[in-house]
């Protein structure tokens, strides 16, 4: 089901845009406390990319900032340690 959604979304998207879609879904899943990306996270990321970010408030809570920092740190450490040129995606 998730692959069908991504397959439908990839038409007209560059590799970087597709990576951004999955990365935003991974961030949303992490914030929601999920162990993996689900359809709700993918749909949220699609809406966020096409319509812009949701403006709840301008202040980020310390807990959310910590989750985002862990996520971005994981991405950079995986990218640093990947030997091949394949895209590596890590979901916390």
Protein backbone atom coordinates (compact mmCIF):
# COMPACT_ATOMS: atom_id res chain seq x y z
CA UNK A 1 0.00 0.00 0.00
CA UNK A 2 2.76 2.47 0.93
CA UNK A 3 4.73 1.60 -2.20
CA UNK A 4 1.65 2.21 -4.37
CA UNK A 5 1.24 5.64 -2.78
CA UNK A 6 4.91 6.51 -3.33
CA UNK A 7 4.74 5.15 -6.89
CA UNK A 8 1.76 7.38 -7.64
CA UNK A 9 3.49 10.39 -6.04
CA UNK A 10 6.78 9.96 -7.91
CA UNK A 11 5.28 10.95 -11.26
CA UNK A 12 6.55 14.47 -11.87
CA UNK A 13 8.84 14.49 -8.83
CA UNK A 14 12.62 14.56 -8.87
CA UNK A 15 14.66 12.20 -6.72
CA UNK A 16 15.32 15.00 -4.26
CA UNK A 17 11.60 15.80 -3.98
CA UNK A 18 10.79 12.13 -3.43
CA UNK A 19 13.51 11.92 -0.76
CA UNK A 20 12.02 15.02 0.89
CA UNK A 21 8.56 13.40 0.86
CA UNK A 22 9.82 10.28 2.66
CA UNK A 23 12.01 12.33 5.03
CA UNK A 24 9.06 14.52 6.06
CA UNK A 25 6.97 11.37 6.59
CA UNK A 26 9.74 9.93 8.78
CA UNK A 27 9.81 13.12 10.86
CA UNK A 28 6.02 13.02 11.26
CA UNK A 29 6.12 9.33 12.26
CA UNK A 30 8.84 10.10 14.81
CA UNK A 31 6.88 12.98 16.31
CA UNK A 32 3.76 10.78 16.50
CA UNK A 33 5.76 8.05 18.26
CA UNK A 34 5.48 5.50 15.44
CA UNK A 35 8.22 2.97 14.80
CA UNK A 36 7.67 3.12 11.02
CA UNK A 37 6.21 5.35 8.33
CA UNK A 38 2.48 4.81 7.77
CA UNK A 39 -0.05 6.16 5.26
CA UNK A 40 -1.08 9.02 7.55
CA UNK A 41 2.53 10.24 7.77
CA UNK A 42 2.96 10.02 3.97
CA UNK A 43 -0.27 11.91 3.34
CA UNK A 44 0.74 14.55 5.89
CA UNK A 45 4.13 14.99 4.20
CA UNK A 46 2.49 15.23 0.75
CA UNK A 47 0.16 17.95 2.04
CA UNK A 48 3.02 19.74 3.76
CA UNK A 49 5.11 19.77 0.59
CA UNK A 50 2.28 20.79 -1.75
CA UNK A 51 0.45 23.28 0.51
CA UNK A 52 3.19 24.45 2.86
CA UNK A 53 3.92 23.91 6.52
CA UNK A 54 1.13 23.88 9.08
CA UNK A 55 1.40 26.96 11.31
CA UNK A 56 0.41 25.92 14.83
CA UNK A 57 2.84 28.20 16.61
CA UNK A 58 6.25 29.70 16.05
CA UNK A 59 7.67 28.06 19.18
CA UNK A 60 9.07 24.52 19.09
CA UNK A 61 8.91 22.61 22.35
CA UNK A 62 12.20 21.28 23.75
CA UNK A 63 10.94 17.69 23.40
CA UNK A 64 10.13 18.16 19.71
CA UNK A 65 13.45 19.90 19.11
CA UNK A 66 15.23 16.93 20.71
CA UNK A 67 13.33 14.42 18.52
CA UNK A 68 14.18 16.43 15.41
CA UNK A 69 17.83 16.64 16.43
CA UNK A 70 18.01 12.85 16.91
CA UNK A 71 16.35 12.30 13.52
CA UNK A 72 18.69 14.66 11.67
CA UNK A 73 21.70 13.21 13.48
CA UNK A 74 20.68 9.72 12.40
CA UNK A 75 20.36 10.86 8.80
CA UNK A 76 23.77 12.48 8.78
CA UNK A 77 25.49 9.51 10.45
CA UNK A 78 23.88 7.05 8.01
CA UNK A 79 24.84 9.23 5.04
CA UNK A 80 28.39 9.52 6.33
CA UNK A 81 28.73 5.76 6.75
CA UNK A 82 27.13 4.72 3.45
CA UNK A 83 29.81 3.45 1.10
CA UNK A 84 27.63 3.17 -1.98
CA UNK A 85 25.82 6.03 -3.67
CA UNK A 86 22.41 4.52 -2.85
CA UNK A 87 19.96 6.60 -0.85
CA UNK A 88 19.88 5.39 2.75
CA UNK A 89 16.79 6.17 4.79
CA UNK A 90 16.75 5.71 8.55
CA UNK A 91 13.51 5.87 10.55
CA UNK A 92 13.80 6.10 14.29
